[in-house]
Full PDB file with SEQRES, HELIX, SHEET, SSBOND, CRYST1, ORIGX, SCALE, CONECT and MASTER records, all heavy atoms in Angstrom:
SEQRES   1 A   33  ASN LEU LEU ALA LEU LEU ALA PHE GLY HIS ASP LEU ALA          
SEQRES   2 A   33  ALA ALA SER LEU ALA TRP TYR MET ALA PHE TRP LEU ARG          
SEQRES   3 A   33  PHE ASN LEU GLU LEU PRO PRO                                  
HELIX    1 AA1 LEU A    2  ARG A   26  1                                  25    
CRYST1    1.000    1.000    1.000  90.00  90.00  90.00 P 1           1          
ORIGX1      1.000000  0.000000  0.000000        0.00000                         
ORIGX2      0.000000  1.000000  0.000000        0.00000                         
ORIGX3      0.000000  0.000000  1.000000        0.00000                         
SCALE1      1.000000  0.000000  0.000000        0.00000                         
SCALE2      0.000000  1.000000  0.000000        0.00000                         
SCALE3      0.000000  0.000000  1.000000        0.00000                         
ATOM      1  N   ASN A   1     -12.359 -39.072   9.260  1.00  0.00           N  
ATOM      2  CA  ASN A   1     -13.718 -38.629   9.574  1.00  0.00           C  
ATOM      3  C   ASN A   1     -13.685 -37.110   9.650  1.00  0.00           C  
ATOM      4  O   ASN A   1     -12.649 -36.486   9.405  1.00  0.00           O  
ATOM      5  CB  ASN A   1     -14.232 -39.263  10.866  1.00  0.00           C  
ATOM      6  CG  ASN A   1     -13.319 -38.957  12.043  1.00  0.00           C  
ATOM      7  OD1 ASN A   1     -12.666 -37.915  12.089  1.00  0.00           O  
ATOM      8  ND2 ASN A   1     -13.279 -39.881  13.003  1.00  0.00           N  
ATOM      9  N   LEU A   2     -14.781 -36.517   9.955  1.00  0.00           N  
ATOM     10  CA  LEU A   2     -14.877 -35.065   9.922  1.00  0.00           C  
ATOM     11  C   LEU A   2     -13.897 -34.407  10.883  1.00  0.00           C  
ATOM     12  O   LEU A   2     -13.202 -33.444  10.535  1.00  0.00           O  
ATOM     13  CB  LEU A   2     -16.316 -34.640  10.251  1.00  0.00           C  
ATOM     14  CG  LEU A   2     -16.568 -33.128  10.286  1.00  0.00           C  
ATOM     15  CD1 LEU A   2     -16.245 -32.510   8.926  1.00  0.00           C  
ATOM     16  CD2 LEU A   2     -18.013 -32.837  10.677  1.00  0.00           C  
ATOM     17  N   LEU A   3     -13.803 -34.955  12.113  1.00  0.00           N  
ATOM     18  CA  LEU A   3     -12.902 -34.361  13.104  1.00  0.00           C  
ATOM     19  C   LEU A   3     -11.447 -34.487  12.672  1.00  0.00           C  
ATOM     20  O   LEU A   3     -10.642 -33.573  12.876  1.00  0.00           O  
ATOM     21  CB  LEU A   3     -13.113 -35.026  14.468  1.00  0.00           C  
ATOM     22  CG  LEU A   3     -14.462 -34.746  15.141  1.00  0.00           C  
ATOM     23  CD1 LEU A   3     -14.574 -35.513  16.447  1.00  0.00           C  
ATOM     24  CD2 LEU A   3     -14.616 -33.241  15.403  1.00  0.00           C  
ATOM     25  N   ALA A   4     -11.095 -35.646  12.114  1.00  0.00           N  
ATOM     26  CA  ALA A   4      -9.713 -35.828  11.641  1.00  0.00           C  
ATOM     27  C   ALA A   4      -9.401 -34.854  10.510  1.00  0.00           C  
ATOM     28  O   ALA A   4      -8.288 -34.297  10.438  1.00  0.00           O  
ATOM     29  CB  ALA A   4      -9.509 -37.267  11.183  1.00  0.00           C  
ATOM     30  N   LEU A   5     -10.371 -34.635   9.607  1.00  0.00           N  
ATOM     31  CA  LEU A   5     -10.166 -33.677   8.514  1.00  0.00           C  
ATOM     32  C   LEU A   5      -9.976 -32.263   9.053  1.00  0.00           C  
ATOM     33  O   LEU A   5      -9.125 -31.509   8.562  1.00  0.00           O  
ATOM     34  CB  LEU A   5     -11.355 -33.722   7.544  1.00  0.00           C  
ATOM     35  CG  LEU A   5     -11.399 -34.923   6.576  1.00  0.00           C  
ATOM     36  CD1 LEU A   5     -12.727 -34.955   5.851  1.00  0.00           C  
ATOM     37  CD2 LEU A   5     -10.247 -34.816   5.579  1.00  0.00           C  
ATOM     38  N   LEU A   6     -10.784 -31.919  10.046  1.00  0.00           N  
ATOM     39  CA  LEU A   6     -10.627 -30.586  10.646  1.00  0.00           C  
ATOM     40  C   LEU A   6      -9.262 -30.442  11.305  1.00  0.00           C  
ATOM     41  O   LEU A   6      -8.592 -29.402  11.175  1.00  0.00           O  
ATOM     42  CB  LEU A   6     -11.739 -30.351  11.669  1.00  0.00           C  
ATOM     43  CG  LEU A   6     -13.155 -30.133  11.092  1.00  0.00           C  
ATOM     44  CD1 LEU A   6     -14.171 -30.071  12.240  1.00  0.00           C  
ATOM     45  CD2 LEU A   6     -13.206 -28.843  10.279  1.00  0.00           C  
ATOM     46  N   ALA A   7      -8.832 -31.469  12.028  1.00  0.00           N  
ATOM     47  CA  ALA A   7      -7.524 -31.416  12.689  1.00  0.00           C  
ATOM     48  C   ALA A   7      -6.404 -31.351  11.656  1.00  0.00           C  
ATOM     49  O   ALA A   7      -5.422 -30.609  11.827  1.00  0.00           O  
ATOM     50  CB  ALA A   7      -7.348 -32.640  13.587  1.00  0.00           C  
ATOM     51  N   PHE A   8      -6.552 -32.126  10.575  1.00  0.00           N  
ATOM     52  CA  PHE A   8      -5.544 -32.116   9.515  1.00  0.00           C  
ATOM     53  C   PHE A   8      -5.460 -30.734   8.859  1.00  0.00           C  
ATOM     54  O   PHE A   8      -4.364 -30.208   8.632  1.00  0.00           O  
ATOM     55  CB  PHE A   8      -5.918 -33.175   8.477  1.00  0.00           C  
ATOM     56  CG  PHE A   8      -4.904 -33.344   7.381  1.00  0.00           C  
ATOM     57  CD1 PHE A   8      -3.617 -33.796   7.662  1.00  0.00           C  
ATOM     58  CD2 PHE A   8      -5.237 -33.046   6.064  1.00  0.00           C  
ATOM     59  CE1 PHE A   8      -2.686 -33.959   6.647  1.00  0.00           C  
ATOM     60  CE2 PHE A   8      -4.308 -33.199   5.048  1.00  0.00           C  
ATOM     61  CZ  PHE A   8      -3.037 -33.658   5.341  1.00  0.00           C  
ATOM     62  N   GLY A   9      -6.615 -30.152   8.585  1.00  0.00           N  
ATOM     63  CA  GLY A   9      -6.628 -28.803   8.019  1.00  0.00           C  
ATOM     64  C   GLY A   9      -6.033 -27.781   8.965  1.00  0.00           C  
ATOM     65  O   GLY A   9      -5.291 -26.869   8.537  1.00  0.00           O  
ATOM     66  N   HIS A  10      -6.324 -27.926  10.250  1.00  0.00           N  
ATOM     67  CA  HIS A  10      -5.756 -27.019  11.238  1.00  0.00           C  
ATOM     68  C   HIS A  10      -4.237 -27.097  11.239  1.00  0.00           C  
ATOM     69  O   HIS A  10      -3.533 -26.060  11.260  1.00  0.00           O  
ATOM     70  CB  HIS A  10      -6.296 -27.362  12.628  1.00  0.00           C  
ATOM     71  CG  HIS A  10      -5.497 -26.762  13.760  1.00  0.00           C  
ATOM     72  ND1 HIS A  10      -4.377 -27.382  14.279  1.00  0.00           N  
ATOM     73  CD2 HIS A  10      -5.649 -25.593  14.441  1.00  0.00           C  
ATOM     74  CE1 HIS A  10      -3.876 -26.620  15.236  1.00  0.00           C  
ATOM     75  NE2 HIS A  10      -4.626 -25.531  15.359  1.00  0.00           N  
ATOM     76  N   ASP A  11      -3.679 -28.315  11.190  1.00  0.00           N  
ATOM     77  CA  ASP A  11      -2.225 -28.468  11.254  1.00  0.00           C  
ATOM     78  C   ASP A  11      -1.539 -27.934   9.991  1.00  0.00           C  
ATOM     79  O   ASP A  11      -0.435 -27.368  10.058  1.00  0.00           O  
ATOM     80  CB  ASP A  11      -1.870 -29.942  11.467  1.00  0.00           C  
ATOM     81  CG  ASP A  11      -2.238 -30.421  12.866  1.00  0.00           C  
ATOM     82  OD1 ASP A  11      -2.486 -29.557  13.741  1.00  0.00           O  
ATOM     83  OD2 ASP A  11      -2.260 -31.638  13.104  1.00  0.00           O  
ATOM     84  N   LEU A  12      -2.186 -28.102   8.836  1.00  0.00           N  
ATOM     85  CA  LEU A  12      -1.616 -27.534   7.611  1.00  0.00           C  
ATOM     86  C   LEU A  12      -1.611 -26.008   7.669  1.00  0.00           C  
ATOM     87  O   LEU A  12      -0.648 -25.345   7.243  1.00  0.00           O  
ATOM     88  CB  LEU A  12      -2.404 -28.008   6.381  1.00  0.00           C  
ATOM     89  CG  LEU A  12      -2.234 -29.492   5.997  1.00  0.00           C  
ATOM     90  CD1 LEU A  12      -3.071 -29.805   4.759  1.00  0.00           C  
ATOM     91  CD2 LEU A  12      -0.757 -29.793   5.739  1.00  0.00           C  
ATOM     92  N   ALA A  13      -2.697 -25.439   8.199  1.00  0.00           N  
ATOM     93  CA  ALA A  13      -2.745 -23.985   8.355  1.00  0.00           C  
ATOM     94  C   ALA A  13      -1.677 -23.525   9.343  1.00  0.00           C  
ATOM     95  O   ALA A  13      -1.008 -22.488   9.133  1.00  0.00           O  
ATOM     96  CB  ALA A  13      -4.133 -23.564   8.839  1.00  0.00           C  
ATOM     97  N   ALA A  14      -1.477 -24.312  10.425  1.00  0.00           N  
ATOM     98  CA  ALA A  14      -0.445 -23.972  11.410  1.00  0.00           C  
ATOM     99  C   ALA A  14       0.932 -24.046  10.768  1.00  0.00           C  
ATOM    100  O   ALA A  14       1.811 -23.207  11.054  1.00  0.00           O  
ATOM    101  CB  ALA A  14      -0.542 -24.914  12.607  1.00  0.00           C  
ATOM    102  N   ALA A  15       1.152 -25.035   9.885  1.00  0.00           N  
ATOM    103  CA  ALA A  15       2.455 -25.176   9.224  1.00  0.00           C  
ATOM    104  C   ALA A  15       2.746 -23.980   8.318  1.00  0.00           C  
ATOM    105  O   ALA A  15       3.872 -23.448   8.299  1.00  0.00           O  
ATOM    106  CB  ALA A  15       2.489 -26.479   8.421  1.00  0.00           C  
ATOM    107  N   SER A  16       1.723 -23.545   7.568  1.00  0.00           N  
ATOM    108  CA  SER A  16       1.936 -22.388   6.689  1.00  0.00           C  
ATOM    109  C   SER A  16       2.181 -21.120   7.499  1.00  0.00           C  
ATOM    110  O   SER A  16       3.056 -20.301   7.168  1.00  0.00           O  
ATOM    111  CB  SER A  16       0.726 -22.207   5.771  1.00  0.00           C  
ATOM    112  OG  SER A  16      -0.448 -21.943   6.529  1.00  0.00           O  
ATOM    113  N   LEU A  17       1.419 -20.956   8.592  1.00  0.00           N  
ATOM    114  CA  LEU A  17       1.591 -19.774   9.429  1.00  0.00           C  
ATOM    115  C   LEU A  17       2.959 -19.777  10.102  1.00  0.00           C  
ATOM    116  O   LEU A  17       3.646 -18.731  10.165  1.00  0.00           O  
ATOM    117  CB  LEU A  17       0.473 -19.725  10.492  1.00  0.00           C  
ATOM    118  CG  LEU A  17       0.519 -18.540  11.458  1.00  0.00           C  
ATOM    119  CD1 LEU A  17       0.415 -17.217  10.690  1.00  0.00           C  
ATOM    120  CD2 LEU A  17      -0.609 -18.656  12.487  1.00  0.00           C  
ATOM    121  N   ALA A  18       3.403 -20.943  10.587  1.00  0.00           N  
ATOM    122  CA  ALA A  18       4.710 -21.035  11.248  1.00  0.00           C  
ATOM    123  C   ALA A  18       5.833 -20.728  10.258  1.00  0.00           C  
ATOM    124  O   ALA A  18       6.827 -20.074  10.608  1.00  0.00           O  
ATOM    125  CB  ALA A  18       4.898 -22.434  11.841  1.00  0.00           C  
ATOM    126  N   TRP A  19       5.692 -21.199   8.997  1.00  0.00           N  
ATOM    127  CA  TRP A  19       6.725 -20.952   7.987  1.00  0.00           C  
ATOM    128  C   TRP A  19       6.834 -19.456   7.686  1.00  0.00           C  
ATOM    129  O   TRP A  19       7.934 -18.911   7.636  1.00  0.00           O  
ATOM    130  CB  TRP A  19       6.382 -21.735   6.723  1.00  0.00           C  
ATOM    131  CG  TRP A  19       7.470 -21.697   5.684  1.00  0.00           C  
ATOM    132  CD1 TRP A  19       7.568 -20.850   4.623  1.00  0.00           C  
ATOM    133  CD2 TRP A  19       8.625 -22.531   5.635  1.00  0.00           C  
ATOM    134  NE1 TRP A  19       8.692 -21.077   3.890  1.00  0.00           N  
ATOM    135  CE2 TRP A  19       9.375 -22.132   4.495  1.00  0.00           C  
ATOM    136  CE3 TRP A  19       9.103 -23.576   6.413  1.00  0.00           C  
ATOM    137  CZ2 TRP A  19      10.574 -22.747   4.133  1.00  0.00           C  
ATOM    138  CZ3 TRP A  19      10.290 -24.200   6.048  1.00  0.00           C  
ATOM    139  CH2 TRP A  19      11.015 -23.781   4.933  1.00  0.00           C  
ATOM    140  N   TYR A  20       5.680 -18.793   7.532  1.00  0.00           N  
ATOM    141  CA  TYR A  20       5.708 -17.363   7.252  1.00  0.00           C  
ATOM    142  C   TYR A  20       6.251 -16.577   8.446  1.00  0.00           C  
ATOM    143  O   TYR A  20       7.058 -15.655   8.281  1.00  0.00           O  
ATOM    144  CB  TYR A  20       4.310 -16.868   6.899  1.00  0.00           C  
ATOM    145  CG  TYR A  20       4.282 -15.419   6.452  1.00  0.00           C  
ATOM    146  CD1 TYR A  20       4.546 -15.087   5.126  1.00  0.00           C  
ATOM    147  CD2 TYR A  20       4.041 -14.394   7.363  1.00  0.00           C  
ATOM    148  CE1 TYR A  20       4.557 -13.753   4.716  1.00  0.00           C  
ATOM    149  CE2 TYR A  20       4.045 -13.080   6.976  1.00  0.00           C  
ATOM    150  CZ  TYR A  20       4.305 -12.757   5.644  1.00  0.00           C  
ATOM    151  OH  TYR A  20       4.323 -11.431   5.248  1.00  0.00           O  
ATOM    152  N   MET A  21       5.814 -16.960   9.667  1.00  0.00           N  
ATOM    153  CA  MET A  21       6.277 -16.244  10.860  1.00  0.00           C  
ATOM    154  C   MET A  21       7.776 -16.412  11.063  1.00  0.00           C  
ATOM    155  O   MET A  21       8.450 -15.500  11.562  1.00  0.00           O  
ATOM    156  CB  MET A  21       5.527 -16.754  12.105  1.00  0.00           C  
ATOM    157  CG  MET A  21       4.061 -16.304  12.167  1.00  0.00           C  
ATOM    158  SD  MET A  21       3.221 -16.986  13.610  1.00  0.00           S  
ATOM    159  CE  MET A  21       4.134 -16.175  14.928  1.00  0.00           C  
ATOM    160  N   ALA A  22       8.315 -17.584  10.691  1.00  0.00           N  
ATOM    161  CA  ALA A  22       9.762 -17.802  10.827  1.00  0.00           C  
ATOM    162  C   ALA A  22      10.535 -16.811   9.960  1.00  0.00           C  
ATOM    163  O   ALA A  22      11.527 -16.213  10.408  1.00  0.00           O  
ATOM    164  CB  ALA A  22      10.098 -19.240  10.442  1.00  0.00           C  
ATOM    165  N   PHE A  23      10.080 -16.604   8.709  1.00  0.00           N  
ATOM    166  CA  PHE A  23      10.727 -15.603   7.832  1.00  0.00           C  
ATOM    167  C   PHE A  23      10.545 -14.215   8.426  1.00  0.00           C  
ATOM    168  O   PHE A  23      11.452 -13.390   8.423  1.00  0.00           O  
ATOM    169  CB  PHE A  23      10.120 -15.686   6.418  1.00  0.00           C  
ATOM    170  CG  PHE A  23      10.742 -16.720   5.541  1.00  0.00           C  
ATOM    171  CD1 PHE A  23      10.393 -18.065   5.654  1.00  0.00           C  
ATOM    172  CD2 PHE A  23      11.703 -16.341   4.599  1.00  0.00           C  
ATOM    173  CE1 PHE A  23      10.971 -19.010   4.833  1.00  0.00           C  
ATOM    174  CE2 PHE A  23      12.275 -17.283   3.771  1.00  0.00           C  
ATOM    175  CZ  PHE A  23      11.910 -18.636   3.882  1.00  0.00           C  
ATOM    176  N   TRP A  24       9.344 -13.952   8.859  1.00  0.00           N  
ATOM    177  CA  TRP A  24       8.996 -12.604   9.356  1.00  0.00           C  
ATOM    178  C   TRP A  24       9.867 -12.221  10.557  1.00  0.00           C  
ATOM    179  O   TRP A  24      10.381 -11.107  10.659  1.00  0.00           O  
ATOM    180  CB  TRP A  24       7.508 -12.625   9.719  1.00  0.00           C  
ATOM    181  CG  TRP A  24       6.888 -11.293   9.968  1.00  0.00           C  
ATOM    182  CD1 TRP A  24       6.975 -10.171   9.198  1.00  0.00           C  
ATOM    183  CD2 TRP A  24       6.058 -10.967  11.085  1.00  0.00           C  
ATOM    184  NE1 TRP A  24       6.252  -9.152   9.737  1.00  0.00           N  
ATOM    185  CE2 TRP A  24       5.669  -9.615  10.902  1.00  0.00           C  
ATOM    186  CE3 TRP A  24       5.575 -11.665  12.181  1.00  0.00           C  
ATOM    187  CZ2 TRP A  24       4.844  -8.958  11.824  1.00  0.00           C  
ATOM    188  CZ3 TRP A  24       4.748 -11.014  13.062  1.00  0.00           C  
ATOM    189  CH2 TRP A  24       4.397  -9.674  12.904  1.00  0.00           C  
ATOM    190  N   LEU A  25      10.021 -13.188  11.498  1.00  0.00           N  
ATOM    191  CA  LEU A  25      10.853 -12.924  12.679  1.00  0.00           C  
ATOM    192  C   LEU A  25      12.333 -12.828  12.312  1.00  0.00           C  
ATOM    193  O   LEU A  25      13.087 -12.055  12.915  1.00  0.00           O  
ATOM    194  CB  LEU A  25      10.633 -14.026  13.732  1.00  0.00           C  
ATOM    195  CG  LEU A  25       9.247 -14.080  14.391  1.00  0.00           C  
ATOM    196  CD1 LEU A  25       9.121 -15.318  15.268  1.00  0.00           C  
ATOM    197  CD2 LEU A  25       9.008 -12.816  15.229  1.00  0.00           C  
ATOM    198  N   ARG A  26      12.746 -13.646  11.331  1.00  0.00           N  
ATOM    199  CA  ARG A  26      14.160 -13.631  10.941  1.00  0.00           C  
ATOM    200  C   ARG A  26      14.590 -12.264  10.427  1.00  0.00           C  
ATOM    201  O   ARG A  26      15.693 -11.802  10.673  1.00  0.00           O  
ATOM    202  CB  ARG A  26      14.372 -14.706   9.853  1.00  0.00           C  
ATOM    203  CG  ARG A  26      15.671 -14.606   9.063  1.00  0.00           C  
ATOM    204  CD  ARG A  26      16.890 -14.805   9.944  1.00  0.00           C  
ATOM    205  NE  ARG A  26      18.121 -14.708   9.188  1.00  0.00           N  
ATOM    206  CZ  ARG A  26      18.724 -13.576   8.835  1.00  0.00           C  
ATOM    207  NH1 ARG A  26      18.195 -12.401   9.172  1.00  0.00           N  
ATOM    208  NH2 ARG A  26      19.845 -13.595   8.152  1.00  0.00           N  
ATOM    209  N   PHE A  27      13.679 -11.568   9.739  1.00  0.00           N  
ATOM    210  CA  PHE A  27      14.018 -10.270   9.173  1.00  0.00           C  
ATOM    211  C   PHE A  27      13.365  -9.121   9.944  1.00  0.00           C  
ATOM    212  O   PHE A  27      13.032  -8.080   9.371  1.00  0.00           O  
ATOM    213  CB  PHE A  27      13.618 -10.233   7.693  1.00  0.00           C  
ATOM    214  CG  PHE A  27      14.432 -11.165   6.838  1.00  0.00           C  
ATOM    215  CD1 PHE A  27      13.902 -12.367   6.410  1.00  0.00           C  
ATOM    216  CD2 PHE A  27      15.745 -10.835   6.500  1.00  0.00           C  
ATOM    217  CE1 PHE A  27      14.652 -13.230   5.626  1.00  0.00           C  
ATOM    218  CE2 PHE A  27      16.500 -11.706   5.714  1.00  0.00           C  
ATOM    219  CZ  PHE A  27      15.965 -12.909   5.277  1.00  0.00           C  
ATOM    220  N   ASN A  28      13.191  -9.307  11.233  1.00  0.00           N  
ATOM    221  CA  ASN A  28      12.710  -8.246  12.117  1.00  0.00           C  
ATOM    222  C   ASN A  28      11.380  -7.653  11.647  1.00  0.00           C  
ATOM    223  O   ASN A  28      11.220  -6.431  11.524  1.00  0.00           O  
ATOM    224  CB  ASN A  28      13.755  -7.137  12.269  1.00  0.00           C  
ATOM    225  CG  ASN A  28      15.029  -7.655  12.902  1.00  0.00           C  
ATOM    226  OD1 ASN A  28      14.969  -8.457  13.841  1.00  0.00           O  
ATOM    227  ND2 ASN A  28      16.175  -7.229  12.375  1.00  0.00           N  
ATOM    228  N   LEU A  29      10.454  -8.518  11.315  1.00  0.00           N  
ATOM    229  CA  LEU A  29       9.075  -8.175  10.991  1.00  0.00           C  
ATOM    230  C   LEU A  29       8.912  -7.455   9.655  1.00  0.00           C  
ATOM    231  O   LEU A  29       7.872  -6.867   9.379  1.00  0.00           O  
ATOM    232  CB  LEU A  29       8.434  -7.325  12.107  1.00  0.00           C  
ATOM    233  CG  LEU A  29       8.646  -7.811  13.555  1.00  0.00           C  
ATOM    234  CD1 LEU A  29       7.882  -6.921  14.517  1.00  0.00           C  
ATOM    235  CD2 LEU A  29       8.207  -9.258  13.695  1.00  0.00           C  
ATOM    236  N   GLU A  30       9.934  -7.510   8.796  1.00  0.00           N  
ATOM    237  CA  GLU A  30       9.814  -6.867   7.472  1.00  0.00           C  
ATOM    238  C   GLU A  30      10.624  -7.665   6.460  1.00  0.00           C  
ATOM    239  O   GLU A  30      11.852  -7.738   6.551  1.00  0.00           O  
ATOM    240  CB  GLU A  30      10.333  -5.429   7.525  1.00  0.00           C  
ATOM    241  CG  GLU A  30      10.087  -4.677   6.221  1.00  0.00           C  
ATOM    242  CD  GLU A  30      10.516  -3.210   6.324  1.00  0.00           C  
ATOM    243  OE1 GLU A  30      10.776  -2.751   7.459  1.00  0.00           O  
ATOM    244  OE2 GLU A  30      10.574  -2.553   5.290  1.00  0.00           O  
ATOM    245  N   LEU A  31       9.946  -8.313   5.458  1.00  0.00           N  
ATOM    246  CA  LEU A  31      10.612  -9.184   4.508  1.00  0.00           C  
ATOM    247  C   LEU A  31      11.205  -8.374   3.352  1.00  0.00           C  
ATOM    248  O   LEU A  31      10.484  -7.611   2.700  1.00  0.00           O  
ATOM    249  CB  LEU A  31       9.621 -10.202   3.937  1.00  0.00           C  
ATOM    250  CG  LEU A  31       9.110 -11.292   4.909  1.00  0.00           C  
ATOM    251  CD1 LEU A  31       8.104 -12.171   4.197  1.00  0.00           C  
ATOM    252  CD2 LEU A  31      10.260 -12.108   5.450  1.00  0.00           C  
ATOM    253  N   PRO A  32      12.489  -8.536   3.064  1.00  0.00           N  
ATOM    254  CA  PRO A  32      13.079  -7.855   1.886  1.00  0.00           C  
ATOM    255  C   PRO A  32      12.615  -8.544   0.604  1.00  0.00           C  
ATOM    256  O   PRO A  32      12.192  -9.713   0.617  1.00  0.00           O  
ATOM    257  CB  PRO A  32      14.587  -8.025   2.107  1.00  0.00           C  
ATOM    258  CG  PRO A  32      14.710  -9.207   3.002  1.00  0.00           C  
ATOM    259  CD  PRO A  32      13.494  -9.239   3.853  1.00  0.00           C  
ATOM    260  N   PRO A  33      12.673  -7.859  -0.545  1.00  0.00           N  
ATOM    261  CA  PRO A  33      12.133  -8.375  -1.810  1.00  0.00           C  
ATOM    262  C   PRO A  33      12.582  -9.783  -2.197  1.00  0.00           C  
ATOM    263  O   PRO A  33      11.721 -10.597  -2.585  1.00  0.00           O  
ATOM    264  CB  PRO A  33      12.590  -7.340  -2.841  1.00  0.00           C  
ATOM    265  CG  PRO A  33      12.693  -6.089  -2.033  1.00  0.00           C  
ATOM    266  CD  PRO A  33      13.167  -6.485  -0.668  1.00  0.00           C  
TER     267      PRO A  33                                                      
MASTER        0    0    0    1    0    0    0    6  266    1    0    3          
END                                                                             
């Protein structure tokens, strides 16, 4: 339903953000090429 779709979209966005932040923190806030 609409709420489930919103929650699903939220979690996918959280997954992408967490993946990027993990790289970002691993390299001290600056990603090498």
